[in-house]
C-alpha atoms as a PDB file:
ATOM      1  CA  MET A   1     -48.242 366.881 111.868  1.00  0.00           C
ATOM      2  CA  PRO A   2     -46.593 369.094 114.497  1.00  0.00           C
ATOM      3  CA  PHE A   3     -48.777 371.540 116.413  1.00  0.00           C
ATOM      4  CA  TYR A   4     -48.635 375.029 114.916  1.00  0.00           C
ATOM      5  CA  GLN A   5     -49.308 378.167 116.918  1.00  0.00           C
ATOM      6  CA  SER A   6     -49.606 381.714 115.588  1.00  0.00           C
ATOM      7  CA  THR A   7     -47.716 384.647 117.047  1.00  0.00           C
ATOM      8  CA  TYR A   8     -50.894 386.604 117.919  1.00  0.00           C
ATOM      9  CA  HIS A   9     -52.702 385.697 121.142  1.00  0.00           C
ATOM     10  CA  SER A  10     -56.065 386.763 122.512  1.00  0.00           C
ATOM     11  CA  ARG A  11     -56.505 388.461 125.874  1.00  0.00           C
ATOM     12  CA  ILE A  12     -58.015 385.387 127.503  1.00  0.00           C
ATOM     13  CA  PHE A  13     -55.111 383.284 126.291  1.00  0.00           C
ATOM     14  CA  ARG A  14     -52.589 385.777 127.685  1.00  0.00           C
ATOM     15  CA  ASP A  15     -54.436 385.710 131.031  1.00  0.00           C
ATOM     16  CA  PHE A  16     -54.270 381.943 131.014  1.00  0.00           C
ATOM     17  CA  LYS A  17     -50.514 381.942 130.339  1.00  0.00           C
ATOM     18  CA  GLU A  18     -49.973 383.995 133.491  1.00  0.00           C
ATOM     19  CA  ILE A  19     -51.119 381.020 135.576  1.00  0.00           C
ATOM     20  CA  ASP A  20     -48.402 378.722 136.892  1.00  0.00           C
ATOM     21  CA  ALA A  21     -48.695 375.540 134.809  1.00  0.00           C
ATOM     22  CA  ALA A  22     -48.295 373.432 137.957  1.00  0.00           C
ATOM     23  CA  ASN A  23     -51.170 375.209 139.727  1.00  0.00           C
ATOM     24  CA  TYR A  24     -53.672 372.665 138.497  1.00  0.00           C
ATOM     25  CA  ARG A  25     -56.625 373.797 140.587  1.00  0.00           C
ATOM     26  CA  ARG A  26     -56.284 377.343 139.356  1.00  0.00           C
ATOM     27  CA  VAL A  27     -56.079 376.088 135.767  1.00  0.00           C
ATOM     28  CA  ILE A  28     -59.319 374.169 136.339  1.00  0.00           C
ATOM     29  CA  ARG A  29     -61.068 377.173 137.869  1.00  0.00           C
ATOM     30  CA  PHE A  30     -59.938 379.442 135.032  1.00  0.00           C
ATOM     31  CA  TYR A  31     -61.188 377.090 132.334  1.00  0.00           C
ATOM     32  CA  GLU A  32     -64.525 376.364 133.997  1.00  0.00           C
ATOM     33  CA  ASP A  33     -65.180 380.056 134.775  1.00  0.00           C
ATOM     34  CA  LYS A  34     -64.492 381.084 131.185  1.00  0.00           C
ATOM     35  CA  GLU A  35     -65.497 377.971 129.283  1.00  0.00           C
ATOM     36  CA  GLU A  36     -67.938 379.682 126.910  1.00  0.00           C
ATOM     37  CA  GLU A  37     -65.360 382.324 125.961  1.00  0.00           C
ATOM     38  CA  ILE A  38     -62.648 379.704 125.546  1.00  0.00           C
ATOM     39  CA  LYS A  39     -64.806 377.715 123.121  1.00  0.00           C
ATOM     40  CA  ARG A  40     -64.908 380.735 120.813  1.00  0.00           C
ATOM     41  CA  LEU A  41     -61.105 380.944 120.519  1.00  0.00           C
ATOM     42  CA  ASP A  42     -59.301 379.824 117.388  1.00  0.00           C
ATOM     43  CA  PHE A  43     -58.184 376.206 117.276  1.00  0.00           C
ATOM     44  CA  GLU A  44     -54.586 376.676 118.439  1.00  0.00           C
ATOM     45  CA  GLU A  45     -55.515 378.616 121.584  1.00  0.00           C
ATOM     46  CA  TYR A  46     -58.551 376.504 122.362  1.00  0.00           C
ATOM     47  CA  PHE A  47     -56.548 373.326 121.974  1.00  0.00           C
ATOM     48  CA  GLU A  48     -53.846 374.509 124.370  1.00  0.00           C
ATOM     49  CA  LEU A  49     -56.370 375.576 127.009  1.00  0.00           C
ATOM     50  CA  ILE A  50     -58.513 372.472 126.863  1.00  0.00           C
ATOM     51  CA  THR A  51     -55.426 370.238 126.891  1.00  0.00           C
ATOM     52  CA  ALA A  52     -54.115 372.032 129.976  1.00  0.00           C
ATOM     53  CA  TYR A  53     -57.546 371.689 131.597  1.00  0.00           C
ATOM     54  CA  VAL A  54     -57.779 367.960 130.860  1.00  0.00           C
ATOM     55  CA  ASN A  55     -54.266 367.364 132.170  1.00  0.00           C
ATOM     56  CA  ALA A  56     -55.050 369.370 135.307  1.00  0.00           C
ATOM     57  CA  LEU A  57     -58.141 367.241 135.953  1.00  0.00           C
ATOM     58  CA  PHE A  58     -55.979 364.145 135.781  1.00  0.00           C
ATOM     59  CA  GLU A  59     -53.302 365.595 138.039  1.00  0.00           C
ATOM     60  CA  VAL A  60     -55.761 366.484 140.825  1.00  0.00           C
ATOM     61  CA  GLY A  61     -57.418 363.047 140.633  1.00  0.00           C
ATOM     62  CA  ALA A  62     -60.731 364.179 139.134  1.00  0.00           C
ATOM     63  CA  TYR A  63     -60.843 360.971 137.106  1.00  0.00           C
ATOM     64  CA  GLN A  64     -64.557 360.915 136.298  1.00  0.00           C
ATOM     65  CA  LYS A  65     -64.477 364.455 134.962  1.00  0.00           C
ATOM     66  CA  HIS A  66     -61.203 363.723 133.169  1.00  0.00           C
ATOM     67  CA  LEU A  67     -62.846 360.828 131.344  1.00  0.00           C
ATOM     68  CA  LEU A  68     -65.658 363.088 130.191  1.00  0.00           C
ATOM     69  CA  MET A  69     -63.225 365.615 128.711  1.00  0.00           C
ATOM     70  CA  VAL A  70     -60.271 363.582 127.457  1.00  0.00           C
ATOM     71  CA  ASP A  71     -62.262 362.187 124.542  1.00  0.00           C
ATOM     72  CA  VAL A  72     -62.829 365.746 123.329  1.00  0.00           C
ATOM     73  CA  VAL A  73     -59.071 366.284 123.107  1.00  0.00           C
ATOM     74  CA  ILE A  74     -58.528 362.876 121.468  1.00  0.00           C
ATOM     75  CA  GLU A  75     -61.150 363.718 118.841  1.00  0.00           C
ATOM     76  CA  MET A  76     -59.531 367.089 118.171  1.00  0.00           C
ATOM     77  CA  VAL A  77     -56.133 365.425 117.779  1.00  0.00           C
ATOM     78  CA  ILE A  78     -57.545 363.000 115.207  1.00  0.00           C
ATOM     79  CA  VAL A  79     -59.628 365.543 113.264  1.00  0.00           C
ATOM     80  CA  HIS A  80     -56.819 368.122 113.081  1.00  0.00           C
ATOM     81  CA  ASN A  81     -54.072 365.524 112.654  1.00  0.00           C
ATOM     82  CA  VAL A  82     -52.000 366.770 115.593  1.00  0.00           C
ATOM     83  CA  GLU A  83     -49.157 364.280 116.031  1.00  0.00           C
ATOM     84  CA  VAL A  84     -46.677 366.144 118.212  1.00  0.00           C
ATOM     85  CA  TYR A  85     -47.613 368.682 120.900  1.00  0.00           C
ATOM     86  CA  LYS A  86     -44.952 370.189 123.167  1.00  0.00           C
ATOM     87  CA  GLY A  87     -42.518 367.479 122.109  1.00  0.00           C
ATOM     88  CA  GLU A  88     -44.880 364.579 122.919  1.00  0.00           C
ATOM     89  CA  ASP A  89     -47.078 362.218 120.967  1.00  0.00           C
ATOM     90  CA  ILE A  90     -50.299 363.801 122.214  1.00  0.00           C
ATOM     91  CA  PHE A  91     -52.552 361.004 120.935  1.00  0.00           C
ATOM     92  CA  GLN A  92     -50.677 358.334 122.884  1.00  0.00           C
ATOM     93  CA  LYS A  93     -50.393 360.529 125.976  1.00  0.00           C
ATOM     94  CA  MET A  94     -54.134 361.207 126.093  1.00  0.00           C
ATOM     95  CA  LEU A  95     -54.982 357.544 125.577  1.00  0.00           C
ATOM     96  CA  PHE A  96     -52.505 356.465 128.250  1.00  0.00           C
ATOM     97  CA  ARG A  97     -53.983 358.912 130.763  1.00  0.00           C
ATOM     98  CA  LYS A  98     -57.476 357.799 129.826  1.00  0.00           C
ATOM     99  CA  ALA A  99     -56.424 354.245 130.666  1.00  0.00           C
ATOM    100  CA  ALA A 100     -54.963 355.485 133.955  1.00  0.00           C
ATOM    101  CA  SER A 101     -58.213 357.241 134.889  1.00  0.00           C
ATOM    102  CA  LEU A 102     -60.187 354.077 134.080  1.00  0.00           C
ATOM    103  CA  TYR A 103     -57.778 352.097 136.232  1.00  0.00           C
ATOM    104  CA  ASN A 104     -58.209 354.507 139.123  1.00  0.00           C
ATOM    105  CA  ILE A 105     -61.985 354.138 139.057  1.00  0.00           C
ATOM    106  CA  MET A 106     -61.534 350.354 138.856  1.00  0.00           C
ATOM    107  CA  GLU A 107     -62.724 349.993 135.252  1.00  0.00           C
ATOM    108  CA  TYR A 108     -59.954 347.481 134.614  1.00  0.00           C
ATOM    109  CA  GLY A 109     -61.468 345.878 131.522  1.00  0.00           C
ATOM    110  CA  LYS A 110     -61.765 349.189 129.692  1.00  0.00           C
ATOM    111  CA  ALA A 111     -58.272 350.217 130.762  1.00  0.00           C
ATOM    112  CA  GLU A 112     -56.901 346.891 129.521  1.00  0.00           C
ATOM    113  CA  TYR A 113     -58.487 347.430 126.107  1.00  0.00           C
ATOM    114  CA  ILE A 114     -56.893 350.866 125.687  1.00  0.00           C
ATOM    115  CA  LEU A 115     -53.484 349.607 126.839  1.00  0.00           C
ATOM    116  CA  ARG A 116     -53.604 346.757 124.322  1.00  0.00           C
ATOM    117  CA  GLU A 117     -54.396 349.245 121.567  1.00  0.00           C
ATOM    118  CA  LEU A 118     -51.474 351.439 122.683  1.00  0.00           C
ATOM    119  CA  ILE A 119     -49.139 348.442 122.600  1.00  0.00           C
ATOM    120  CA  LYS A 120     -50.306 347.736 119.053  1.00  0.00           C
ATOM    121  CA  ILE A 121     -49.220 351.280 118.188  1.00  0.00           C
ATOM    122  CA  ASP A 122     -45.882 351.012 120.028  1.00  0.00           C
ATOM    123  CA  PRO A 123     -45.057 347.470 121.195  1.00  0.00           C
ATOM    124  CA  TYR A 124     -41.682 348.596 122.556  1.00  0.00           C
ATOM    125  CA  CYS A 125     -43.002 351.139 125.069  1.00  0.00           C
ATOM    126  CA  GLU A 126     -42.241 349.758 128.537  1.00  0.00           C
ATOM    127  CA  ASP A 127     -44.739 352.105 130.202  1.00  0.00           C
ATOM    128  CA  PHE A 128     -47.597 350.550 128.218  1.00  0.00           C
ATOM    129  CA  ILE A 129     -46.394 347.023 128.907  1.00  0.00           C
ATOM    130  CA  LEU A 130     -45.862 347.541 132.655  1.00  0.00           C
ATOM    131  CA  PHE A 131     -49.225 349.237 133.048  1.00  0.00           C
ATOM    132  CA  LEU A 132     -50.998 346.414 131.204  1.00  0.00           C
ATOM    133  CA  ARG A 133     -49.436 343.921 133.642  1.00  0.00           C
ATOM    134  CA  LYS A 134     -50.549 346.045 136.579  1.00  0.00           C
ATOM    135  CA  CYS A 135     -54.059 346.252 135.182  1.00  0.00           C
ATOM    136  CA  LEU A 136     -54.309 342.504 134.566  1.00  0.00           C
ATOM    137  CA  ARG A 137     -53.091 341.768 138.087  1.00  0.00           C
ATOM    138  CA  LYS A 138     -56.134 343.675 139.374  1.00  0.00           C
ATOM    139  CA  LYS A 139     -58.471 341.432 137.357  1.00  0.00           C
ATOM    140  CA  GLU A 140     -58.389 338.517 139.764  1.00  0.00           C
ATOM    141  CA  PRO A 141     -59.406 335.164 138.221  1.00  0.00           C
ATOM    142  CA  GLY A 142     -61.732 332.681 139.891  1.00  0.00           C
ATOM    143  CA  PHE A 143     -58.941 330.444 141.177  1.00  0.00           C
ATOM    144  CA  LEU A 144     -57.328 333.348 143.033  1.00  0.00           C
ATOM    145  CA  ASN A 145     -60.614 334.269 144.721  1.00  0.00           C
ATOM    146  CA  LYS A 146     -61.025 330.640 145.747  1.00  0.00           C
ATOM    147  CA  ALA A 147     -57.458 330.545 147.054  1.00  0.00           C
ATOM    148  CA  LYS A 148     -58.134 333.683 149.138  1.00  0.00           C
ATOM    149  CA  ALA A 149     -61.359 332.205 150.485  1.00  0.00           C
ATOM    150  CA  ALA A 150     -59.607 328.944 151.359  1.00  0.00           C
ATOM    151  CA  SER A 151     -56.738 330.742 153.081  1.00  0.00           C
ATOM    152  CA  ILE A 152     -59.164 332.822 155.160  1.00  0.00           C
ATOM    153  CA  LEU A 153     -60.990 329.659 156.179  1.00  0.00           C
ATOM    154  CA  LEU A 154     -57.696 328.054 157.199  1.00  0.00           C
ATOM    155  CA  PHE A 155     -56.638 331.142 159.181  1.00  0.00           C
ATOM    156  CA  LEU A 156     -59.993 331.118 161.002  1.00  0.00           C
ATOM    157  CA  LEU A 157     -59.585 327.407 161.712  1.00  0.00           C
ATOM    158  CA  SER A 158     -56.098 328.063 163.060  1.00  0.00           C
ATOM    159  CA  ALA A 159     -57.507 330.786 165.343  1.00  0.00           C
ATOM    160  CA  PHE A 160     -60.215 328.401 166.529  1.00  0.00           C
ATOM    161  CA  VAL A 161     -57.608 325.730 167.350  1.00  0.00           C
ATOM    162  CA  ILE A 162     -55.608 328.326 169.310  1.00  0.00           C
ATOM    163  CA  SER A 163     -58.761 329.176 171.320  1.00  0.00           C
ATOM    164  CA  VAL A 164     -59.361 325.523 172.062  1.00  0.00           C
ATOM    165  CA  GLU A 165     -55.716 325.088 173.013  1.00  0.00           C
ATOM    166  CA  VAL A 166     -55.755 328.010 175.452  1.00  0.00           C
ATOM    167  CA  LEU A 167     -59.163 327.307 177.007  1.00  0.00           C
ATOM    168  CA  PHE A 168     -59.160 323.512 177.223  1.00  0.00           C
ATOM    169  CA  ILE A 169     -55.993 321.745 176.126  1.00  0.00           C
ATOM    170  CA  ARG A 170     -53.432 323.569 178.242  1.00  0.00           C
ATOM    171  CA  PRO A 171     -55.505 323.587 181.458  1.00  0.00           C
ATOM    172  CA  PHE A 172     -56.890 320.034 181.225  1.00  0.00           C
ATOM    173  CA  TYR A 173     -55.023 317.986 178.594  1.00  0.00           C
ATOM    174  CA  LYS A 174     -51.379 319.053 178.821  1.00  0.00           C
ATOM    175  CA  ALA A 175     -50.209 315.811 177.257  1.00  0.00           C
ATOM    176  CA  HIS A 176     -51.768 316.892 173.956  1.00  0.00           C
ATOM    177  CA  VAL A 177     -50.359 320.422 173.878  1.00  0.00           C
ATOM    178  CA  ASP A 178     -47.508 319.617 171.502  1.00  0.00           C
ATOM    179  CA  ALA A 179     -49.802 317.857 169.026  1.00  0.00           C
ATOM    180  CA  VAL A 180     -52.324 320.705 169.053  1.00  0.00           C
ATOM    181  CA  GLU A 181     -49.561 323.306 168.622  1.00  0.00           C
ATOM    182  CA  ALA A 182     -48.203 321.371 165.666  1.00  0.00           C
ATOM    183  CA  SER A 183     -51.648 321.058 164.054  1.00  0.00           C
ATOM    184  CA  ARG A 184     -52.565 324.733 164.343  1.00  0.00           C
ATOM    185  CA  THR A 185     -49.134 325.739 163.045  1.00  0.00           C
ATOM    186  CA  ALA A 186     -49.584 323.384 160.109  1.00  0.00           C
ATOM    187  CA  ILE A 187     -53.046 324.803 159.390  1.00  0.00           C
ATOM    188  CA  PHE A 188     -51.746 328.357 159.493  1.00  0.00           C
ATOM    189  CA  LEU A 189     -48.797 327.558 157.203  1.00  0.00           C
ATOM    190  CA  LEU A 190     -51.135 325.771 154.805  1.00  0.00           C
ATOM    191  CA  GLY A 191     -53.257 328.907 154.628  1.00  0.00           C
ATOM    192  CA  CYS A 192     -50.176 330.997 153.852  1.00  0.00           C
ATOM    193  CA  THR A 193     -49.092 328.507 151.186  1.00  0.00           C
ATOM    194  CA  VAL A 194     -52.494 328.514 149.488  1.00  0.00           C
ATOM    195  CA  LEU A 195     -52.640 332.326 149.461  1.00  0.00           C
ATOM    196  CA  LEU A 196     -49.045 332.765 148.284  1.00  0.00           C
ATOM    197  CA  GLY A 197     -49.360 330.019 145.703  1.00  0.00           C
ATOM    198  CA  GLY A 198     -52.513 331.509 144.213  1.00  0.00           C
ATOM    199  CA  THR A 199     -50.975 334.992 144.098  1.00  0.00           C
ATOM    200  CA  LEU A 200     -47.743 333.786 142.495  1.00  0.00           C
ATOM    201  CA  LEU A 201     -49.604 331.711 139.919  1.00  0.00           C
ATOM    202  CA  HIS A 202     -51.784 334.686 138.996  1.00  0.00           C
ATOM    203  CA  GLY A 203     -48.699 336.907 138.654  1.00  0.00           C
ATOM    204  CA  TRP A 204     -46.961 334.328 136.459  1.00  0.00           C
ATOM    205  CA  LEU A 205     -50.004 333.933 134.210  1.00  0.00           C
ATOM    206  CA  VAL A 206     -50.250 337.717 133.810  1.00  0.00           C
ATOM    207  CA  GLN A 207     -46.570 337.923 132.896  1.00  0.00           C
ATOM    208  CA  ARG A 208     -47.029 335.141 130.351  1.00  0.00           C
ATOM    209  CA  ARG A 209     -50.169 336.644 128.797  1.00  0.00           C
ATOM    210  CA  VAL A 210     -48.583 340.060 128.378  1.00  0.00           C
ATOM    211  CA  HIS A 211     -45.339 338.587 127.038  1.00  0.00           C
ATOM    212  CA  LEU A 212     -47.169 336.518 124.421  1.00  0.00           C
ATOM    213  CA  PHE A 213     -49.319 339.480 123.399  1.00  0.00           C
ATOM    214  CA  VAL A 214     -46.330 341.820 123.087  1.00  0.00           C
ATOM    215  CA  GLU A 215     -44.287 339.266 121.107  1.00  0.00           C
ATOM    216  CA  LYS A 216     -47.192 338.617 118.768  1.00  0.00           C
ATOM    217  CA  THR A 217     -47.679 342.362 118.254  1.00  0.00           C
ATOM    218  CA  ARG A 218     -43.992 342.957 117.625  1.00  0.00           C
ATOM    219  CA  ASN A 219     -43.803 340.122 115.143  1.00  0.00           C
ATOM    220  CA  SER A 220     -46.847 341.416 113.267  1.00  0.00           C
ATOM    221  CA  LYS A 221     -44.995 344.711 112.685  1.00  0.00           C
ATOM    222  CA  TYR A 222     -42.643 342.893 110.329  1.00  0.00           C
ATOM    223  CA  TYR A 223     -45.388 341.624 108.024  1.00  0.00           C
END
């Protein structure tokens, strides 16, 4: 149901409303300084203050603290059946930001789980889909790690060949300079190809996984 707010407001709520909504650090300080008083407010005022506080934590990049508090808001949304708050689906917004905080602290598996659940709720939301792709790209599979390791080895080998070329081949074996140049160039290009190939394959597999998941979810909505 939509969020309802009474016409009467407490003093602490009026003080809070005097703060610029975009002054996130001041919002945080206000809430933390007066947390015990805020907890005694009625639901409508308490919900608005704690929601502003949680959003401010996210905006300033306090992701660990945000994760501790966002579940409180999500629970309140569920218990009090708040569907729309300030024109937004507050449940989806809080979950999406929770996934973003998890992503920013490199908890990619947990972020992926939340994003998949959000897509099940709304399989046509491009923000959810794009973020899931971004999250999956961060979860590098074994073959990509091996490709990176192989490319680094090839780059180091190319550097070694260059050292040999400069120190020994050019001064003493000029007849072999062209062959050595060609070999170290080939080694370097092979390293680039391995790295690029592994990265492109990983990106394609992510695209395919997300596409199949989204299509399956969309189709399930019809049954």
